[in-house]
Amino acid sequence: MAVADEANPSETRALAKLRYAGGPYHITAAFLAQGAATILHEEGFVGKVGGGILTPAVLGQPYIERLRSSGVTIDNEIV
């Protein structure tokens, strides 16, 4: 669980749960492989980012969809 560090806290909060039926090595492989596939296959992604440190937040919704196709379940809700 994480608490956001905000200058002006709001009442809106998000809760997300990630589940995967495989082991830790398999989920690590899924994260890495699907991240690389997102960078490689998403049109214009490489030119848009240009390099540096890429986080899952930078990879966006295409990354999430690729993870879901690998068997990762991500549930989120605004609380």
N, C-alpha and C. Protein backbone atom coordinates (compact mmCIF):
# COMPACT_ATOMS: atom_id res chain seq x y z
N MET A 1 0.84 -1.16 0.00
CA MET A 1 0.00 0.00 0.00
C MET A 1 0.89 1.23 0.00
N ALA A 2 0.50 2.21 -0.77
CA ALA A 2 1.27 3.45 -0.87
C ALA A 2 0.37 4.64 -0.59
N VAL A 3 0.94 5.68 -0.05
CA VAL A 3 0.22 6.92 0.19
C VAL A 3 0.85 7.99 -0.69
N ALA A 4 0.02 8.67 -1.49
CA ALA A 4 0.54 9.69 -2.39
C ALA A 4 1.05 10.89 -1.61
N ASP A 5 2.16 11.44 -2.06
CA ASP A 5 2.74 12.64 -1.47
C ASP A 5 2.26 13.82 -2.31
N GLU A 6 1.24 14.52 -1.81
CA GLU A 6 0.62 15.60 -2.58
C GLU A 6 0.74 16.92 -1.85
N ALA A 7 0.91 17.99 -2.62
CA ALA A 7 0.93 19.32 -2.03
C ALA A 7 -0.46 19.72 -1.55
N ASN A 8 -1.48 19.41 -2.35
CA ASN A 8 -2.87 19.71 -2.01
C ASN A 8 -3.68 18.42 -2.08
N PRO A 9 -3.75 17.67 -0.98
CA PRO A 9 -4.45 16.38 -1.00
C PRO A 9 -5.93 16.54 -1.39
N SER A 10 -6.43 15.58 -2.14
CA SER A 10 -7.84 15.58 -2.51
C SER A 10 -8.50 14.35 -1.89
N GLU A 11 -9.80 14.32 -1.98
CA GLU A 11 -10.55 13.20 -1.41
C GLU A 11 -10.54 11.98 -2.34
N THR A 12 -10.23 12.17 -3.61
CA THR A 12 -10.25 11.09 -4.59
C THR A 12 -9.02 10.20 -4.42
N ARG A 13 -9.26 8.91 -4.29
CA ARG A 13 -8.18 7.93 -4.16
C ARG A 13 -8.46 6.77 -5.11
N ALA A 14 -7.40 6.12 -5.53
CA ALA A 14 -7.53 4.96 -6.41
C ALA A 14 -6.96 3.74 -5.70
N LEU A 15 -7.58 2.60 -5.95
CA LEU A 15 -7.13 1.34 -5.40
C LEU A 15 -6.95 0.38 -6.57
N ALA A 16 -5.78 -0.27 -6.64
CA ALA A 16 -5.52 -1.23 -7.72
C ALA A 16 -5.01 -2.53 -7.12
N LYS A 17 -5.42 -3.64 -7.71
CA LYS A 17 -4.96 -4.96 -7.30
C LYS A 17 -4.41 -5.67 -8.52
N LEU A 18 -3.25 -6.28 -8.38
CA LEU A 18 -2.61 -7.02 -9.46
C LEU A 18 -2.49 -8.47 -9.03
N ARG A 19 -2.94 -9.40 -9.89
CA ARG A 19 -2.85 -10.83 -9.59
C ARG A 19 -2.23 -11.55 -10.77
N TYR A 20 -1.46 -12.58 -10.43
CA TYR A 20 -0.86 -13.43 -11.46
C TYR A 20 -0.73 -14.83 -10.89
N ALA A 21 -1.13 -15.83 -11.65
CA ALA A 21 -1.15 -17.20 -11.15
C ALA A 21 0.23 -17.85 -11.12
N GLY A 22 1.19 -17.34 -11.86
CA GLY A 22 2.52 -17.93 -11.92
C GLY A 22 3.41 -17.46 -10.78
N GLY A 23 4.66 -17.86 -10.84
CA GLY A 23 5.62 -17.51 -9.81
C GLY A 23 6.30 -16.17 -10.08
N PRO A 24 7.20 -15.78 -9.17
CA PRO A 24 7.85 -14.47 -9.29
C PRO A 24 8.74 -14.35 -10.53
N TYR A 25 9.37 -15.42 -10.96
CA TYR A 25 10.21 -15.35 -12.16
C TYR A 25 9.35 -15.16 -13.40
N HIS A 26 8.18 -15.80 -13.42
CA HIS A 26 7.29 -15.68 -14.57
C HIS A 26 6.70 -14.28 -14.69
N ILE A 27 6.31 -13.69 -13.57
CA ILE A 27 5.73 -12.33 -13.62
C ILE A 27 6.81 -11.32 -13.99
N THR A 28 8.04 -11.53 -13.52
CA THR A 28 9.14 -10.65 -13.90
C THR A 28 9.38 -10.73 -15.39
N ALA A 29 9.37 -11.95 -15.93
CA ALA A 29 9.55 -12.13 -17.37
C ALA A 29 8.42 -11.47 -18.15
N ALA A 30 7.19 -11.58 -17.66
CA ALA A 30 6.05 -10.94 -18.33
C ALA A 30 6.21 -9.42 -18.33
N PHE A 31 6.60 -8.84 -17.20
CA PHE A 31 6.81 -7.39 -17.13
C PHE A 31 7.86 -6.94 -18.14
N LEU A 32 8.98 -7.63 -18.17
CA LEU A 32 10.07 -7.24 -19.06
C LEU A 32 9.72 -7.46 -20.54
N ALA A 33 9.19 -8.63 -20.85
CA ALA A 33 8.89 -8.95 -22.25
C ALA A 33 7.78 -8.05 -22.79
N GLN A 34 6.75 -7.84 -22.03
CA GLN A 34 5.64 -7.01 -22.51
C GLN A 34 6.03 -5.53 -22.55
N GLY A 35 6.90 -5.10 -21.65
CA GLY A 35 7.42 -3.74 -21.72
C GLY A 35 8.23 -3.52 -22.98
N ALA A 36 9.10 -4.48 -23.28
CA ALA A 36 9.90 -4.39 -24.50
C ALA A 36 9.02 -4.44 -25.74
N ALA A 37 8.01 -5.30 -25.75
CA ALA A 37 7.10 -5.41 -26.89
C ALA A 37 6.31 -4.11 -27.09
N THR A 38 5.93 -3.47 -26.00
CA THR A 38 5.21 -2.21 -26.10
C THR A 38 6.09 -1.14 -26.74
N ILE A 39 7.34 -1.06 -26.29
CA ILE A 39 8.26 -0.09 -26.87
C ILE A 39 8.50 -0.38 -28.34
N LEU A 40 8.65 -1.64 -28.69
CA LEU A 40 8.97 -2.04 -30.06
C LEU A 40 7.79 -1.87 -31.01
N HIS A 41 6.58 -2.24 -30.58
CA HIS A 41 5.46 -2.34 -31.50
C HIS A 41 4.52 -1.13 -31.51
N GLU A 42 4.54 -0.29 -30.50
CA GLU A 42 3.63 0.86 -30.49
C GLU A 42 4.16 1.94 -31.44
N GLU A 43 3.34 2.32 -32.38
CA GLU A 43 3.75 3.27 -33.40
C GLU A 43 4.11 4.63 -32.80
N GLY A 44 5.29 5.12 -33.14
CA GLY A 44 5.74 6.43 -32.69
C GLY A 44 6.22 6.50 -31.26
N PHE A 45 6.24 5.37 -30.56
CA PHE A 45 6.61 5.41 -29.13
C PHE A 45 8.06 5.82 -28.94
N VAL A 46 8.97 5.25 -29.70
CA VAL A 46 10.39 5.51 -29.51
C VAL A 46 10.70 6.98 -29.80
N GLY A 47 10.17 7.53 -30.85
CA GLY A 47 10.41 8.93 -31.16
C GLY A 47 9.80 9.88 -30.15
N LYS A 48 8.68 9.48 -29.56
CA LYS A 48 7.99 10.32 -28.59
C LYS A 48 8.76 10.39 -27.28
N VAL A 49 9.28 9.27 -26.81
CA VAL A 49 9.96 9.22 -25.51
C VAL A 49 11.40 9.69 -25.65
N GLY A 50 12.13 9.17 -26.61
CA GLY A 50 13.48 9.62 -26.88
C GLY A 50 14.57 9.04 -26.00
N GLY A 51 14.25 8.23 -25.03
CA GLY A 51 15.28 7.61 -24.19
C GLY A 51 15.09 7.96 -22.73
N GLY A 52 16.04 7.57 -21.91
CA GLY A 52 15.96 7.82 -20.48
C GLY A 52 15.38 6.63 -19.74
N ILE A 53 14.88 6.88 -18.56
CA ILE A 53 14.31 5.82 -17.73
C ILE A 53 12.83 5.70 -18.04
N LEU A 54 12.41 4.50 -18.41
CA LEU A 54 11.00 4.25 -18.71
C LEU A 54 10.37 3.48 -17.56
N THR A 55 9.25 3.96 -17.08
CA THR A 55 8.50 3.29 -16.03
C THR A 55 7.20 2.76 -16.62
N PRO A 56 6.52 1.87 -15.91
CA PRO A 56 5.22 1.40 -16.42
C PRO A 56 4.23 2.54 -16.68
N ALA A 57 4.32 3.62 -15.92
CA ALA A 57 3.42 4.75 -16.14
C ALA A 57 3.66 5.39 -17.50
N VAL A 58 4.90 5.38 -17.97
CA VAL A 58 5.23 5.95 -19.28
C VAL A 58 4.71 5.05 -20.39
N LEU A 59 4.72 3.74 -20.17
CA LEU A 59 4.30 2.79 -21.19
C LEU A 59 2.79 2.81 -21.42
N GLY A 60 2.01 3.15 -20.41
CA GLY A 60 0.59 3.41 -20.55
C GLY A 60 -0.31 2.21 -20.78
N GLN A 61 -1.47 2.51 -21.34
CA GLN A 61 -2.53 1.51 -21.53
C GLN A 61 -2.12 0.37 -22.45
N PRO A 62 -1.35 0.60 -23.51
CA PRO A 62 -0.94 -0.55 -24.33
C PRO A 62 -0.15 -1.59 -23.53
N TYR A 63 0.66 -1.13 -22.59
CA TYR A 63 1.42 -2.04 -21.72
C TYR A 63 0.47 -2.85 -20.84
N ILE A 64 -0.52 -2.21 -20.28
CA ILE A 64 -1.50 -2.90 -19.44
C ILE A 64 -2.24 -3.96 -20.24
N GLU A 65 -2.64 -3.62 -21.46
CA GLU A 65 -3.35 -4.58 -22.30
C GLU A 65 -2.46 -5.78 -22.64
N ARG A 66 -1.19 -5.55 -22.89
CA ARG A 66 -0.27 -6.65 -23.17
C ARG A 66 -0.09 -7.53 -21.94
N LEU A 67 0.00 -6.92 -20.76
CA LEU A 67 0.11 -7.71 -19.53
C LEU A 67 -1.13 -8.57 -19.33
N ARG A 68 -2.29 -7.99 -19.59
CA ARG A 68 -3.54 -8.75 -19.45
C ARG A 68 -3.56 -9.94 -20.39
N SER A 69 -3.01 -9.78 -21.59
CA SER A 69 -2.98 -10.90 -22.53
C SER A 69 -2.00 -11.98 -22.08
N SER A 70 -1.11 -11.65 -21.13
CA SER A 70 -0.15 -12.62 -20.58
C SER A 70 -0.69 -13.30 -19.33
N GLY A 71 -1.91 -13.00 -18.94
CA GLY A 71 -2.50 -13.64 -17.78
C GLY A 71 -2.48 -12.82 -16.50
N VAL A 72 -2.05 -11.58 -16.60
CA VAL A 72 -2.03 -10.69 -15.43
C VAL A 72 -3.41 -10.07 -15.29
N THR A 73 -3.95 -10.08 -14.08
CA THR A 73 -5.24 -9.45 -13.81
C THR A 73 -5.00 -8.17 -13.03
N ILE A 74 -5.52 -7.06 -13.55
CA ILE A 74 -5.38 -5.78 -12.87
C ILE A 74 -6.78 -5.23 -12.66
N ASP A 75 -7.17 -5.07 -11.41
CA ASP A 75 -8.45 -4.49 -11.04
C ASP A 75 -8.18 -3.14 -10.39
N ASN A 76 -8.93 -2.12 -10.81
CA ASN A 76 -8.78 -0.82 -10.18
C ASN A 76 -10.13 -0.16 -9.98
N GLU A 77 -10.16 0.73 -9.00
CA GLU A 77 -11.39 1.45 -8.70
C GLU A 77 -11.05 2.75 -8.01
N ILE A 78 -11.93 3.71 -8.17
CA ILE A 78 -11.80 4.99 -7.46
C ILE A 78 -12.59 4.85 -6.16
N VAL A 79 -11.93 5.13 -5.04
CA VAL A 79 -12.59 5.00 -3.74
C VAL A 79 -12.75 6.34 -3.07
